[in-house]
Amino acid sequence: MDTLPPKPRLREQFRNVIRVHRYSNRTEKTYWYWVRFYLRYHRMRHPLEMGPREVNEFLTWLAVKRNVAAATQNQALNALVFLYTKVLEQPLGDIGDAVRARKSIRIPTVLTHSEAVRIIALLKEPYGLLASLMYGSGLRVVEACRLRLKDIDFERQIITVYSGKGDKDRTTLLPTSLIAPLQQRKAQIISAWRQQTPFYQCHVSLPFALKRKYPRASSSAEWQWFFPSLSLSHDEDGNIVRHHLHTSTVQKAVKQAVQQSAVGKPAGCHTFRHTFATELLRRGSDIRTVQTLLGHADVRTTQIYTHVLGKGFAGVQSPLG
């Protein structure tokens, strides 16, 4: 008598489904974090034994007891909606009126141009070049770390960001001052790749579907990382691959440079992106253009930078004079 193969465990089910839908590795890790948190909160009951009421209770607890931000609560909700709708094929429906976390509006910290340049000057390579891309092109730290040789068009001075936040592609500016150092770095990488040094004999990591669609890409020159990690790692299939520089190492280097610079501001990697947007607006760029370069889905997200500049008060004079 034939027996049916055992059903995969929830973790395996979740991983298979999220990869079929081509979600990023970061999203996979984040969503699974919230799924585990949800299960632990309900004492490891199987999600099929629960539903809208338990989801409502969990989200309310996050807002009331954990005081999470609105964006964090929404992230948890998105993870659970994905779990029930895509993995378990049991859509949640109406979860009721969960207590919603209060959305705080914070004006971002920005640097002056001279402060940004001062911090960058304190960074050793490749961190100085990465920070320059964050400030000069408005890249997020993960977008800068994930750049491949094919992503920069030196002739048109354009950087293409693939699978950015929200799995969206966009193009942004390549500063003229970065052309020479980036071309030099590209030439060094291609030279090492051609010589097949031990480090470059290992293939680069690729997203899930691309490994099947472009089987030779992982060993080609154009898919090499601009900022490869100094050590090799394993991909999700257990193969030894060359990954890009980890964002945490860049964040640590920038934090140290900020402290050394004595700018007196709580700055980090994302501060360079904030400064990019603010400087463009200060120099007269249209807000819709800045929105496109940053990859914001809603112009209201970009408008926060007008508060930094005080542009919303143009023509208004204080009664004190």
Protein backbone atom coordinates (compact mmCIF):
# COMPACT_ATOMS: atom_id res chain seq x y z
CA MET A 1 0.00 0.00 0.00
CA ASP A 2 1.39 3.39 -1.07
CA THR A 3 1.76 6.00 1.64
CA LEU A 4 1.55 9.72 1.08
CA PRO A 5 4.76 11.68 1.73
CA PRO A 6 4.66 13.65 4.99
CA LYS A 7 3.52 17.26 4.76
CA PRO A 8 6.41 19.73 4.92
CA ARG A 9 6.84 21.62 8.18
CA LEU A 10 5.46 25.14 8.35
CA ARG A 11 8.94 26.71 8.02
CA GLU A 12 9.60 24.75 4.84
CA GLN A 13 6.14 25.56 3.44
CA PHE A 14 6.65 29.23 4.16
CA ARG A 15 10.12 29.28 2.56
CA ASN A 16 8.94 27.50 -0.61
CA VAL A 17 5.95 29.79 -1.12
CA ILE A 18 7.75 33.07 -0.46
CA ARG A 19 10.50 32.11 -2.90
CA VAL A 20 7.98 31.18 -5.58
CA HIS A 21 6.62 34.71 -5.20
CA ARG A 22 10.21 36.07 -5.54
CA TYR A 23 10.29 38.04 -2.31
CA SER A 24 13.72 39.30 -1.28
CA ASN A 25 15.85 37.44 1.22
CA ARG A 26 15.44 40.31 3.69
CA THR A 27 11.65 40.17 3.41
CA GLU A 28 11.70 36.40 3.88
CA LYS A 29 13.70 36.75 7.10
CA THR A 30 11.53 39.63 8.37
CA TYR A 31 8.22 37.90 7.63
CA TRP A 32 9.38 34.64 9.23
CA TYR A 33 10.48 36.59 12.32
CA TRP A 34 6.93 37.91 12.75
CA VAL A 35 5.35 34.53 12.07
CA ARG A 36 7.52 32.95 14.80
CA PHE A 37 6.75 35.84 17.15
CA TYR A 38 3.02 35.35 16.53
CA LEU A 39 3.24 31.59 17.20
CA ARG A 40 5.29 32.07 20.38
CA TYR A 41 2.84 34.67 21.63
CA HIS A 42 0.03 32.10 21.25
CA ARG A 43 2.10 29.36 22.92
CA MET A 44 3.06 27.62 19.67
CA ARG A 45 -0.45 26.79 18.52
CA HIS A 46 -0.62 25.97 14.82
CA PRO A 47 -1.85 28.98 12.80
CA LEU A 48 -4.67 26.90 11.29
CA GLU A 49 -6.07 26.57 14.82
CA MET A 50 -6.21 30.37 15.00
CA GLY A 51 -7.60 33.17 12.91
CA PRO A 52 -8.70 36.84 12.87
CA ARG A 53 -9.31 37.04 16.64
CA GLU A 54 -5.81 35.82 17.50
CA VAL A 55 -4.22 38.12 14.90
CA ASN A 56 -6.18 41.06 16.34
CA GLU A 57 -5.02 40.19 19.85
CA PHE A 58 -1.37 39.93 18.75
CA LEU A 59 -1.39 43.26 16.87
CA THR A 60 -3.07 45.01 19.80
CA TRP A 61 -0.47 43.59 22.19
CA LEU A 62 2.32 44.90 19.95
CA ALA A 63 0.85 48.41 20.05
CA VAL A 64 -0.16 48.51 23.74
CA LYS A 65 2.49 46.44 25.50
CA ARG A 66 5.48 46.62 23.16
CA ASN A 67 4.87 50.21 21.99
CA VAL A 68 6.00 49.39 18.47
CA ALA A 69 5.92 51.98 15.71
CA ALA A 70 3.07 52.00 13.20
CA ALA A 71 5.39 50.78 10.44
CA THR A 72 6.50 47.84 12.60
CA GLN A 73 2.92 46.87 13.38
CA ASN A 74 2.04 47.05 9.67
CA GLN A 75 5.02 44.86 8.87
CA ALA A 76 3.79 42.23 11.33
CA LEU A 77 0.29 42.39 9.81
CA ASN A 78 1.68 42.00 6.27
CA ALA A 79 3.64 38.92 7.36
CA LEU A 80 0.56 37.29 8.87
CA VAL A 81 -1.62 38.15 5.88
CA PHE A 82 0.99 36.49 3.65
CA LEU A 83 1.08 33.43 5.92
CA TYR A 84 -2.66 32.88 5.89
CA THR A 85 -3.37 33.93 2.30
CA LYS A 86 -0.41 32.51 0.39
CA VAL A 87 1.01 29.73 2.55
CA LEU A 88 -2.02 28.28 4.33
CA GLU A 89 -4.52 29.39 1.65
CA GLN A 90 -6.92 30.49 4.38
CA PRO A 91 -7.43 34.27 3.94
CA LEU A 92 -7.93 36.08 7.24
CA GLY A 93 -10.82 38.28 6.21
CA ASP A 94 -11.85 40.98 8.70
CA ILE A 95 -9.58 40.99 11.74
CA GLY A 96 -11.66 43.61 13.54
CA ASP A 97 -10.50 46.84 15.14
CA ALA A 98 -7.06 46.14 16.54
CA VAL A 99 -5.48 48.97 18.51
CA ARG A 100 -3.31 50.72 15.97
CA ALA A 101 0.16 51.95 16.82
CA ARG A 102 0.43 55.72 16.65
CA LYS A 103 2.27 56.91 13.57
CA SER A 104 4.91 59.39 14.64
CA ILE A 105 6.10 62.05 12.25
CA ARG A 106 9.78 62.68 12.77
CA ILE A 107 11.86 65.22 10.91
CA PRO A 108 14.98 63.33 9.79
CA THR A 109 18.47 64.33 10.82
CA VAL A 110 20.40 65.80 7.90
CA LEU A 111 23.97 66.93 7.44
CA THR A 112 25.28 70.01 5.74
CA HIS A 113 27.31 69.39 2.60
CA SER A 114 30.55 70.15 4.44
CA GLU A 115 29.61 67.78 7.30
CA ALA A 116 28.84 64.95 4.87
CA VAL A 117 32.15 65.46 3.05
CA ARG A 118 34.03 65.61 6.37
CA ILE A 119 32.61 62.26 7.51
CA ILE A 120 33.29 60.60 4.14
CA ALA A 121 36.91 61.81 4.25
CA LEU A 122 37.39 59.91 7.53
CA LEU A 123 36.28 56.60 6.03
CA LYS A 124 38.75 54.07 4.66
CA GLU A 125 37.97 52.34 1.40
CA PRO A 126 35.67 50.85 0.34
CA TYR A 127 33.51 52.52 3.00
CA GLY A 128 34.28 56.02 1.76
CA LEU A 129 33.09 55.08 -1.73
CA LEU A 130 29.95 53.45 -0.34
CA ALA A 131 29.13 56.53 1.74
CA SER A 132 29.75 58.70 -1.32
CA LEU A 133 27.17 56.66 -3.24
CA MET A 134 24.66 57.04 -0.43
CA TYR A 135 25.17 60.80 -0.36
CA GLY A 136 25.77 61.43 -4.07
CA SER A 137 23.12 59.06 -5.46
CA GLY A 138 20.61 58.73 -2.61
CA LEU A 139 21.15 54.98 -2.26
CA ARG A 140 20.13 53.03 0.82
CA VAL A 141 23.05 51.21 2.43
CA VAL A 142 21.80 47.81 1.22
CA GLU A 143 21.36 49.16 -2.32
CA ALA A 144 24.94 50.45 -2.35
CA CYS A 145 26.32 47.15 -1.02
CA ARG A 146 24.37 45.16 -3.61
CA LEU A 147 25.62 47.00 -6.68
CA ARG A 148 26.95 44.77 -9.46
CA LEU A 149 29.28 45.82 -12.28
CA LYS A 150 26.41 45.82 -14.77
CA ASP A 151 24.34 48.25 -12.69
CA ILE A 152 26.41 51.36 -13.43
CA ASP A 153 26.26 53.07 -16.83
CA PHE A 154 29.29 55.36 -16.87
CA GLU A 155 28.50 56.87 -20.27
CA ARG A 156 24.99 58.00 -19.30
CA GLN A 157 25.97 58.57 -15.64
CA ILE A 158 23.12 56.42 -14.36
CA ILE A 159 22.92 53.86 -11.59
CA THR A 160 20.16 51.25 -11.85
CA VAL A 161 18.88 49.89 -8.55
CA TYR A 162 17.30 46.46 -9.00
CA SER A 163 14.80 45.03 -6.51
CA GLY A 164 14.96 47.99 -4.18
CA LYS A 165 12.55 48.53 -1.33
CA GLY A 166 9.17 47.06 -2.28
CA ASP A 167 10.94 44.97 -4.96
CA LYS A 168 10.97 48.02 -7.27
CA ASP A 169 13.61 48.94 -9.85
CA ARG A 170 14.67 52.56 -10.37
CA THR A 171 17.46 54.68 -11.78
CA THR A 172 19.35 57.44 -10.03
CA LEU A 173 22.28 59.81 -10.59
CA LEU A 174 25.93 58.83 -10.85
CA PRO A 175 27.98 61.80 -9.60
CA THR A 176 30.77 62.87 -11.96
CA SER A 177 33.26 62.82 -9.08
CA LEU A 178 32.66 59.08 -8.53
CA ILE A 179 33.19 57.97 -12.13
CA ALA A 180 36.98 57.62 -11.89
CA PRO A 181 37.14 55.73 -8.54
CA LEU A 182 34.30 53.42 -9.59
CA GLN A 183 35.89 52.71 -12.98
CA GLN A 184 39.19 51.97 -11.25
CA ARG A 185 37.46 49.58 -8.85
CA LYS A 186 35.64 47.90 -11.73
CA ALA A 187 38.93 47.42 -13.61
CA GLN A 188 40.54 45.83 -10.54
CA ILE A 189 37.62 43.41 -10.09
CA ILE A 190 37.58 42.40 -13.76
CA SER A 191 41.36 41.89 -13.72
CA ALA A 192 41.12 39.58 -10.69
CA TRP A 193 38.15 37.78 -12.29
CA ARG A 194 40.07 37.20 -15.54
CA GLN A 195 43.08 35.87 -13.67
CA GLN A 196 40.74 33.52 -11.79
CA THR A 197 42.36 34.22 -8.44
CA PRO A 198 41.19 31.73 -5.78
CA PHE A 199 38.67 34.25 -4.47
CA TYR A 200 37.08 34.70 -7.90
CA GLN A 201 36.94 31.00 -8.74
CA CYS A 202 33.86 30.90 -6.54
CA HIS A 203 30.56 32.03 -8.09
CA VAL A 204 28.68 35.11 -6.89
CA SER A 205 25.35 34.70 -5.13
CA LEU A 206 22.20 35.25 -7.19
CA PRO A 207 18.52 35.65 -6.32
CA PHE A 208 16.41 32.48 -6.44
CA ALA A 209 14.86 32.61 -9.92
CA LEU A 210 17.87 34.16 -11.66
CA LYS A 211 20.02 31.11 -10.96
CA ARG A 212 17.68 29.07 -13.14
CA LYS A 213 17.01 31.78 -15.73
CA TYR A 214 20.67 32.76 -16.20
CA PRO A 215 22.74 29.69 -15.20
CA ARG A 216 26.03 31.29 -16.34
CA ALA A 217 25.45 34.68 -14.72
CA SER A 218 27.04 33.74 -11.39
CA SER A 219 30.42 33.22 -13.07
CA SER A 220 30.25 36.14 -15.53
CA ALA A 221 32.07 39.47 -15.19
CA GLU A 222 29.03 41.77 -15.33
CA TRP A 223 27.33 40.06 -12.38
CA GLN A 224 30.31 40.51 -10.04
CA TRP A 225 29.74 42.60 -6.93
CA PHE A 226 31.25 46.09 -6.79
CA PHE A 227 31.76 45.56 -3.06
CA PRO A 228 32.26 41.83 -2.41
CA SER A 229 32.54 40.40 1.07
CA LEU A 230 36.06 39.46 2.08
CA SER A 231 34.91 35.96 3.05
CA LEU A 232 32.86 33.28 1.31
CA SER A 233 29.48 32.07 2.54
CA HIS A 234 26.74 29.53 1.80
CA ASP A 235 23.63 30.33 -0.22
CA GLU A 236 20.15 28.98 0.56
CA ASP A 237 20.98 25.76 -1.32
CA GLY A 238 24.17 25.18 0.66
CA ASN A 239 26.55 26.15 -2.15
CA ILE A 240 29.69 28.16 -1.33
CA VAL A 241 29.29 31.59 -2.93
CA ARG A 242 30.76 35.09 -2.86
CA HIS A 243 28.30 37.54 -1.35
CA HIS A 244 28.39 41.32 -1.16
CA LEU A 245 29.75 43.29 1.79
CA HIS A 246 27.40 43.06 4.77
CA THR A 247 25.53 46.26 5.62
CA SER A 248 26.43 45.98 9.31
CA THR A 249 30.14 46.48 8.56
CA VAL A 250 29.36 49.65 6.62
CA GLN A 251 27.08 50.93 9.39
CA LYS A 252 29.77 50.32 11.98
CA ALA A 253 32.41 52.15 9.94
CA VAL A 254 30.11 55.15 9.36
CA LYS A 255 29.18 55.30 13.05
CA GLN A 256 32.87 55.47 14.01
CA ALA A 257 33.54 58.18 11.41
CA VAL A 258 30.61 60.25 12.68
CA GLN A 259 32.03 60.09 16.21
CA GLN A 260 35.48 61.10 14.98
CA SER A 261 34.08 64.00 12.94
CA ALA A 262 32.44 65.58 16.02
CA VAL A 263 29.51 66.90 13.93
CA GLY A 264 27.32 66.56 17.02
CA LYS A 265 24.43 64.87 15.22
CA PRO A 266 23.00 61.33 15.57
CA ALA A 267 23.94 60.43 12.01
CA GLY A 268 24.25 57.07 10.30
CA CYS A 269 24.17 55.54 6.82
CA HIS A 270 20.58 56.62 6.13
CA THR A 271 21.48 60.20 7.05
CA PHE A 272 23.45 60.43 3.79
CA ARG A 273 20.28 59.56 1.86
CA HIS A 274 18.30 62.18 3.82
CA THR A 275 21.03 64.73 3.06
CA PHE A 276 20.96 63.83 -0.65
CA ALA A 277 17.24 64.62 -0.83
CA THR A 278 17.51 67.80 1.21
CA GLU A 279 20.43 69.14 -0.82
CA LEU A 280 18.60 68.51 -4.11
CA LEU A 281 15.53 70.41 -2.88
CA ARG A 282 17.67 73.20 -1.45
CA ARG A 283 19.35 73.61 -4.85
CA GLY A 284 16.00 73.91 -6.62
CA SER A 285 15.19 70.37 -7.81
CA ASP A 286 11.52 69.55 -8.31
CA ILE A 287 10.03 67.41 -5.53
CA ARG A 288 8.64 64.90 -8.06
CA THR A 289 12.13 64.40 -9.47
CA VAL A 290 13.51 63.83 -5.98
CA GLN A 291 10.68 61.38 -5.30
CA THR A 292 11.63 59.39 -8.41
CA LEU A 293 15.33 59.35 -7.57
CA LEU A 294 14.61 58.13 -4.03
CA GLY A 295 12.08 55.54 -5.22
CA HIS A 296 9.28 56.78 -2.96
CA ALA A 297 5.85 55.41 -3.90
CA ASP A 298 4.07 58.43 -2.41
CA VAL A 299 5.20 62.04 -2.74
CA ARG A 300 4.08 62.63 0.85
CA THR A 301 7.07 60.59 1.98
CA THR A 302 9.35 62.94 0.06
CA GLN A 303 7.60 66.05 1.41
CA ILE A 304 9.10 65.49 4.86
CA TYR A 305 12.28 67.03 3.48
CA THR A 306 10.49 70.31 2.83
CA HIS A 307 9.98 70.51 6.61
CA VAL A 308 13.73 70.11 7.09
CA LEU A 309 14.26 73.14 4.87
CA GLY A 310 11.34 75.09 6.30
CA LYS A 311 9.99 75.58 2.78
CA GLY A 312 6.45 75.21 4.03
CA PHE A 313 6.83 78.62 5.71
CA ALA A 314 7.96 80.55 2.64
CA GLY A 315 6.66 84.11 2.80
CA VAL A 316 5.46 83.79 6.42
CA GLN A 317 7.00 86.20 8.90
CA SER A 318 7.05 85.82 12.66
CA PRO A 319 5.04 88.50 14.59
CA LEU A 320 8.28 89.21 16.48
CA GLY A 321 9.85 90.31 13.22
